[in-house]
Amino acid sequence: MQLIILWDIDHTLIENAGVSKEIYAAAFTALTGAPPTVGASTEGRTDRLIMRDMFRRHGLPEPDWSIVEAALAWAGEERLGELRRRGTALPGVLDVLKAASSRADWVSSVLTGNIAANARVKLAAFGLDALLDLSVGAYGADAEQRPDLVAVARQRVQSYRGLPVDVPVILVGDTPRDVEAALTTGSGIIAVASGIHGRAELEAAGAPVVLPDLSDTAALLALLEYVPGRP
């Protein structure tokens, strides 16, 4: 069975231990000359919206996106060592990504609010980047709203890998926004309660399957075969 799997990164594949919010703060400081007085609000939003909200809450005009993206990329690269020191790949992630990447009929990539440069930094910090087809992923610079990223990834897979338009897509993520992105685009969803959102909250958002983490490789691969949540 052909399948497109799109993994969220933060709190699904890795624990960033607060480094993500430090990246936003550093980018904001570099752009404004002063540190933020209010931290970034993330929870599954795209980098475009996160940074826009930071400028809005500080009463400042938002710079051109290309400038903001460059500042984010600089801040992410600067914190690669700190991410390696404090963060970690979450339980089972290495094994399940290896298993997914070995399937010739599956495309395993990412759908993340991070810009592409910082997605790569976060994955490379724990040796996960080589296990994903990052060229066909969807990133925080590609759209403002998370559901719109699904079409971006699907188009890239079709263009670069030649898969038919009807190949099912399944998202794996830890926030209600991941669930929303799947349900509103006719995609499957496996929710993971490895972030700040518990099982009850993810089920209330509409997730038909909620796992505590990704540690049971065999069970997760079996779920992927059935594409839970897809009509």
Protein backbone atom coordinates (compact mmCIF):
# COMPACT_ATOMS: atom_id res chain seq x y z
CA MET A 1 0.00 0.00 0.00
CA GLN A 2 1.35 3.40 -0.97
CA LEU A 3 1.27 5.93 1.84
CA ILE A 4 2.45 9.43 2.67
CA ILE A 5 3.35 9.87 6.35
CA LEU A 6 3.89 13.39 7.64
CA TRP A 7 5.44 13.65 11.10
CA ASP A 8 5.30 16.68 13.36
CA ILE A 9 8.68 17.41 14.96
CA ASP A 10 8.53 19.18 18.33
CA HIS A 11 7.13 16.97 21.12
CA THR A 12 6.30 14.26 18.57
CA LEU A 13 9.74 13.23 17.31
CA ILE A 14 11.92 15.28 19.66
CA GLU A 15 11.84 17.07 22.99
CA ASN A 16 13.41 20.50 22.45
CA ALA A 17 13.60 21.32 26.18
CA GLY A 18 12.65 24.96 25.69
CA VAL A 19 15.17 25.64 22.93
CA SER A 20 12.40 26.43 20.43
CA LYS A 21 11.15 29.37 22.45
CA GLU A 22 14.71 30.57 22.87
CA ILE A 23 15.06 30.55 19.07
CA TYR A 24 12.02 32.80 18.69
CA ALA A 25 13.27 35.11 21.42
CA ALA A 26 16.72 35.35 19.86
CA ALA A 27 15.29 36.09 16.42
CA PHE A 28 13.01 38.76 17.87
CA THR A 29 15.92 40.34 19.74
CA ALA A 30 18.09 40.35 16.63
CA LEU A 31 15.35 42.08 14.66
CA THR A 32 14.29 44.64 17.26
CA GLY A 33 17.40 45.25 19.37
CA ALA A 34 15.57 44.30 22.57
CA PRO A 35 14.50 40.96 24.09
CA PRO A 36 10.79 40.14 24.13
CA THR A 37 8.84 40.90 27.26
CA VAL A 38 6.33 38.16 26.39
CA GLY A 39 7.48 34.75 25.18
CA ALA A 40 6.38 33.01 22.01
CA SER A 41 3.09 31.12 22.00
CA THR A 42 3.58 27.99 19.90
CA GLU A 43 1.37 24.86 20.36
CA GLY A 44 1.36 23.70 16.76
CA ARG A 45 1.23 27.08 15.03
CA THR A 46 3.45 27.98 12.09
CA ASP A 47 6.53 30.15 12.48
CA ARG A 48 4.86 32.86 10.39
CA LEU A 49 2.02 33.16 12.90
CA ILE A 50 4.24 32.78 15.96
CA MET A 51 6.52 35.63 14.96
CA ARG A 52 3.66 37.82 13.76
CA ASP A 53 1.98 37.38 17.13
CA MET A 54 5.19 38.34 18.96
CA PHE A 55 5.45 41.61 17.04
CA ARG A 56 1.74 42.32 17.51
CA ARG A 57 1.87 41.77 21.27
CA HIS A 58 4.83 44.12 21.52
CA GLY A 59 3.10 46.78 19.45
CA LEU A 60 5.71 46.61 16.70
CA PRO A 61 5.35 46.43 12.92
CA GLU A 62 6.16 43.05 11.43
CA PRO A 63 9.25 43.08 9.19
CA ASP A 64 9.21 41.52 5.75
CA TRP A 65 8.94 37.76 6.11
CA SER A 66 12.23 37.07 4.32
CA ILE A 67 14.02 39.07 7.02
CA VAL A 68 12.17 37.26 9.81
CA GLU A 69 12.92 33.87 8.27
CA ALA A 70 16.62 34.67 8.00
CA ALA A 71 16.70 35.69 11.66
CA LEU A 72 14.97 32.45 12.67
CA ALA A 73 17.41 30.38 10.63
CA TRP A 74 20.38 32.14 12.23
CA ALA A 75 18.95 31.67 15.73
CA GLY A 76 18.28 27.98 15.08
CA GLU A 77 21.76 27.25 13.80
CA GLU A 78 23.27 29.11 16.76
CA ARG A 79 21.43 26.80 19.17
CA LEU A 80 22.23 23.45 17.58
CA GLY A 81 24.74 22.61 20.32
CA GLU A 82 22.35 23.65 23.07
CA LEU A 83 19.60 21.52 21.53
CA ARG A 84 21.91 18.50 21.48
CA ARG A 85 22.89 19.10 25.09
CA ARG A 86 19.42 19.61 26.53
CA GLY A 87 17.04 17.92 24.10
CA THR A 88 16.47 14.35 23.01
CA ALA A 89 14.77 12.17 20.44
CA LEU A 90 11.61 10.80 22.02
CA PRO A 91 11.16 7.09 22.87
CA GLY A 92 10.87 4.78 19.86
CA VAL A 93 11.34 7.53 17.28
CA LEU A 94 14.60 6.27 15.82
CA ASP A 95 13.24 2.76 15.36
CA VAL A 96 9.93 3.77 13.80
CA LEU A 97 11.55 6.24 11.41
CA LYS A 98 14.01 3.57 10.32
CA ALA A 99 11.14 1.15 9.74
CA ALA A 100 9.09 3.69 7.78
CA SER A 101 12.06 4.72 5.64
CA SER A 102 12.69 1.09 4.69
CA ARG A 103 9.27 0.75 3.07
CA ALA A 104 9.68 1.27 -0.66
CA ASP A 105 5.99 2.16 -1.09
CA TRP A 106 5.90 4.77 1.68
CA VAL A 107 7.03 8.39 1.63
CA SER A 108 7.99 9.48 5.15
CA SER A 109 8.46 13.22 5.63
CA VAL A 110 7.44 16.06 7.95
CA LEU A 111 4.63 18.54 8.38
CA THR A 112 5.84 21.16 10.84
CA GLY A 113 5.36 24.75 11.85
CA ASN A 114 9.14 25.19 11.83
CA ILE A 115 10.83 26.82 8.87
CA ALA A 116 12.75 24.26 6.80
CA ALA A 117 16.17 25.34 8.08
CA ASN A 118 15.19 24.88 11.72
CA ALA A 119 13.34 21.64 11.04
CA ARG A 120 16.57 20.26 9.63
CA VAL A 121 18.58 21.56 12.61
CA LYS A 122 16.23 19.93 15.10
CA LEU A 123 16.24 16.59 13.31
CA ALA A 124 19.98 16.61 12.61
CA ALA A 125 20.70 17.26 16.28
CA PHE A 126 19.60 13.69 16.99
CA GLY A 127 20.52 11.98 13.72
CA LEU A 128 16.95 11.80 12.42
CA ASP A 129 17.28 13.91 9.28
CA ALA A 130 18.66 11.10 7.11
CA LEU A 131 15.62 8.95 7.93
CA LEU A 132 13.12 11.39 6.40
CA ASP A 133 12.53 12.69 2.89
CA LEU A 134 12.77 16.36 3.84
CA SER A 135 12.62 17.58 0.24
CA VAL A 136 8.88 16.84 0.12
CA GLY A 137 7.95 18.08 3.58
CA ALA A 138 5.82 21.11 4.43
CA TYR A 139 7.20 23.85 6.64
CA GLY A 140 6.27 26.99 8.54
CA ALA A 141 7.24 29.30 5.69
CA ASP A 142 4.98 27.48 3.21
CA ALA A 143 1.64 28.61 4.65
CA GLU A 144 0.24 30.42 7.66
CA GLN A 145 -2.34 27.83 8.69
CA ARG A 146 -1.37 24.25 9.45
CA PRO A 147 -4.12 22.56 7.39
CA ASP A 148 -2.81 24.32 4.27
CA LEU A 149 0.53 22.56 4.72
CA VAL A 150 -1.05 19.21 3.85
CA ALA A 151 -1.68 20.29 0.26
CA VAL A 152 1.88 21.65 0.04
CA ALA A 153 3.37 18.32 1.07
CA ARG A 154 1.04 16.34 -1.16
CA GLN A 155 1.96 18.47 -4.18
CA ARG A 156 5.66 18.06 -3.49
CA VAL A 157 5.32 14.30 -3.19
CA GLN A 158 3.43 14.15 -6.47
CA SER A 159 5.94 16.40 -8.24
CA TYR A 160 9.16 14.91 -6.88
CA ARG A 161 8.20 11.29 -6.26
CA GLY A 162 5.52 10.73 -8.90
CA LEU A 163 2.88 9.33 -6.57
CA PRO A 164 -0.76 9.43 -7.72
CA VAL A 165 -3.10 12.10 -6.36
CA ASP A 166 -5.18 9.56 -4.42
CA VAL A 167 -2.38 8.16 -2.24
CA PRO A 168 -3.56 8.44 1.38
CA VAL A 169 -1.87 10.86 3.76
CA ILE A 170 -1.52 10.32 7.48
CA LEU A 171 -0.33 12.89 10.00
CA VAL A 172 1.38 12.01 13.28
CA GLY A 173 1.39 14.83 15.83
CA ASP A 174 0.88 15.89 19.42
CA THR A 175 -1.47 18.89 19.28
CA PRO A 176 -5.14 19.55 18.49
CA ARG A 177 -3.89 21.58 15.51
CA ASP A 178 -2.37 18.40 14.06
CA VAL A 179 -5.73 16.70 14.48
CA GLU A 180 -7.53 19.64 12.87
CA ALA A 181 -5.12 19.65 9.93
CA ALA A 182 -5.83 15.98 9.29
CA LEU A 183 -9.59 16.05 9.73
CA THR A 184 -10.12 19.14 7.57
CA THR A 185 -8.06 17.71 4.70
CA GLY A 186 -9.36 14.16 4.63
CA SER A 187 -6.10 12.79 6.00
CA GLY A 188 -5.54 10.14 8.61
CA ILE A 189 -4.28 11.09 12.06
CA ILE A 190 -2.40 9.35 14.82
CA ALA A 191 -2.20 11.67 17.81
CA VAL A 192 0.55 11.27 20.38
CA ALA A 193 0.18 12.50 23.97
CA SER A 194 3.89 13.21 24.28
CA GLY A 195 3.54 16.99 24.50
CA ILE A 196 1.42 19.20 26.72
CA HIS A 197 -1.90 17.89 25.38
CA GLY A 198 -3.26 14.78 27.08
CA ARG A 199 -5.30 11.92 25.68
CA ALA A 200 -8.67 13.46 26.63
CA GLU A 201 -7.89 16.75 24.90
CA LEU A 202 -6.68 15.05 21.73
CA GLU A 203 -9.70 12.76 21.64
CA ALA A 204 -11.99 15.77 22.15
CA ALA A 205 -10.32 17.38 19.12
CA GLY A 206 -11.41 14.35 17.08
CA ALA A 207 -8.40 12.03 17.10
CA PRO A 208 -9.60 8.42 16.65
CA VAL A 209 -6.27 7.06 17.93
CA VAL A 210 -4.11 8.54 20.69
CA LEU A 211 -0.84 6.90 21.68
CA PRO A 212 1.17 7.75 24.81
CA ASP A 213 4.35 7.90 22.69
CA LEU A 214 5.94 6.23 19.66
CA SER A 215 7.78 3.51 21.56
CA ASP A 216 5.78 0.52 20.25
CA THR A 217 7.11 0.26 16.70
CA ALA A 218 5.09 -2.79 15.68
CA ALA A 219 1.81 -1.31 16.92
CA LEU A 220 2.47 2.01 15.23
CA LEU A 221 3.33 0.38 11.90
CA ALA A 222 0.11 -1.61 12.10
CA LEU A 223 -1.87 1.59 12.69
CA LEU A 224 -0.19 3.27 9.74
CA GLU A 225 -1.32 0.41 7.53
CA TYR A 226 -4.94 1.18 8.40
CA VAL A 227 -4.65 5.00 8.09
CA PRO A 228 -6.90 5.76 11.08
CA GLY A 229 -9.28 8.68 10.72
CA ARG A 230 -9.28 8.74 6.93
CA PRO A 231 -12.75 8.53 5.37
